[in-house]
Amino acid sequence: AGTLAAQLSRLDLVVLDEINIALQYDYLAVPAVLAALEGRHNRTSVILTGRNAKPEVMDYADLVSEMREVKHPFQVGIKAQRGLDF
């Protein structure tokens, strides 16, 4: 229970996988996510993943990386695998 910021403050590392997609489709509000990030303990590192990060999120971030697909198993007919892709 408690606020997201309070929950984040108890952890050393948080990975918010594909959160940028949730922000892109307005499932989450950018100001709320930024407020949670601001409210976390200074020892808590947070990694946000997903395409098309909002400019406000990129401005807040210390590091922004962009990945490019070179090869993917789906290209040769290998479908998503339980435990690996989901």
Protein backbone atom coordinates (compact mmCIF):
# COMPACT_ATOMS: atom_id res chain seq x y z
CA ALA A 1 0.00 0.00 0.00
CA GLY A 2 0.99 3.64 -0.12
CA THR A 3 1.91 5.92 -2.95
CA LEU A 4 4.04 4.82 -5.87
CA ALA A 5 6.76 7.19 -4.70
CA ALA A 6 6.74 5.57 -1.24
CA GLN A 7 6.95 2.10 -2.76
CA LEU A 8 9.83 3.11 -5.04
CA SER A 9 11.71 4.60 -2.10
CA ARG A 10 12.14 1.21 -0.44
CA LEU A 11 13.98 -0.31 -3.39
CA ASP A 12 17.50 0.00 -4.80
CA LEU A 13 16.56 -0.72 -8.43
CA VAL A 14 13.22 -0.54 -10.23
CA VAL A 15 12.71 -1.53 -13.87
CA LEU A 16 9.54 -0.09 -15.38
CA ASP A 17 9.48 -2.29 -18.47
CA GLU A 18 7.58 -0.76 -21.44
CA ILE A 19 6.32 2.15 -19.34
CA ASN A 20 6.96 4.49 -22.26
CA ILE A 21 4.29 2.62 -24.25
CA ALA A 22 1.84 3.05 -21.36
CA LEU A 23 2.64 6.77 -21.35
CA GLN A 24 2.32 6.97 -25.14
CA TYR A 25 -1.26 5.60 -24.99
CA ASP A 26 -2.13 7.77 -21.96
CA TYR A 27 -2.66 4.77 -19.66
CA LEU A 28 -0.47 6.68 -17.19
CA ALA A 29 -0.05 10.42 -16.76
CA VAL A 30 3.44 11.83 -17.35
CA PRO A 31 3.20 14.23 -14.36
CA ALA A 32 2.30 11.34 -12.03
CA VAL A 33 5.23 9.22 -13.23
CA LEU A 34 7.65 12.15 -12.94
CA ALA A 35 6.33 12.93 -9.44
CA ALA A 36 6.94 9.32 -8.40
CA LEU A 37 10.47 9.47 -9.79
CA GLU A 38 11.11 12.75 -7.99
CA GLY A 39 9.78 11.33 -4.72
CA ARG A 40 11.92 8.23 -4.67
CA HIS A 41 14.88 7.81 -2.36
CA ASN A 42 18.15 9.02 -3.89
CA ARG A 43 19.61 5.49 -3.68
CA THR A 44 16.82 4.11 -5.90
CA SER A 45 17.81 3.78 -9.54
CA VAL A 46 14.97 3.48 -12.05
CA ILE A 47 15.15 2.11 -15.59
CA LEU A 48 12.28 3.00 -17.94
CA THR A 49 11.95 1.02 -21.15
CA GLY A 50 9.83 1.22 -24.28
CA ARG A 51 9.68 3.12 -27.52
CA ASN A 52 8.70 6.71 -28.13
CA ALA A 53 9.53 8.16 -24.73
CA LYS A 54 7.76 11.43 -24.03
CA PRO A 55 10.01 14.51 -24.27
CA GLU A 56 9.35 15.31 -20.59
CA VAL A 57 10.61 11.86 -19.59
CA MET A 58 13.72 12.19 -21.76
CA ASP A 59 14.40 15.65 -20.30
CA TYR A 60 14.21 14.20 -16.77
CA ALA A 61 16.40 11.17 -17.52
CA ASP A 62 20.13 11.03 -16.88
CA LEU A 63 20.64 8.59 -19.78
CA VAL A 64 18.57 7.99 -22.91
CA SER A 65 19.46 5.14 -25.27
CA GLU A 66 17.96 4.03 -28.53
CA MET A 67 18.14 0.42 -29.71
CA ARG A 68 17.96 -0.83 -33.27
CA GLU A 69 16.87 -4.33 -34.22
CA VAL A 70 19.51 -6.17 -36.24
CA LYS A 71 18.15 -9.71 -36.03
CA HIS A 72 15.03 -11.13 -34.40
CA PRO A 73 13.86 -14.75 -34.03
CA PHE A 74 10.38 -13.80 -35.26
CA GLN A 75 11.93 -13.16 -38.71
CA VAL A 76 12.56 -16.91 -39.06
CA GLY A 77 9.24 -18.03 -37.61
CA ILE A 78 10.16 -18.39 -33.94
CA LYS A 79 7.23 -17.13 -31.88
CA ALA A 80 7.37 -15.55 -28.41
CA GLN A 81 8.46 -18.07 -25.78
CA ARG A 82 7.05 -18.38 -22.29
CA GLY A 83 9.65 -17.45 -19.68
CA LEU A 84 11.74 -15.55 -22.19
CA ASP A 85 9.46 -13.08 -23.97
CA PHE A 86 6.53 -13.13 -21.54
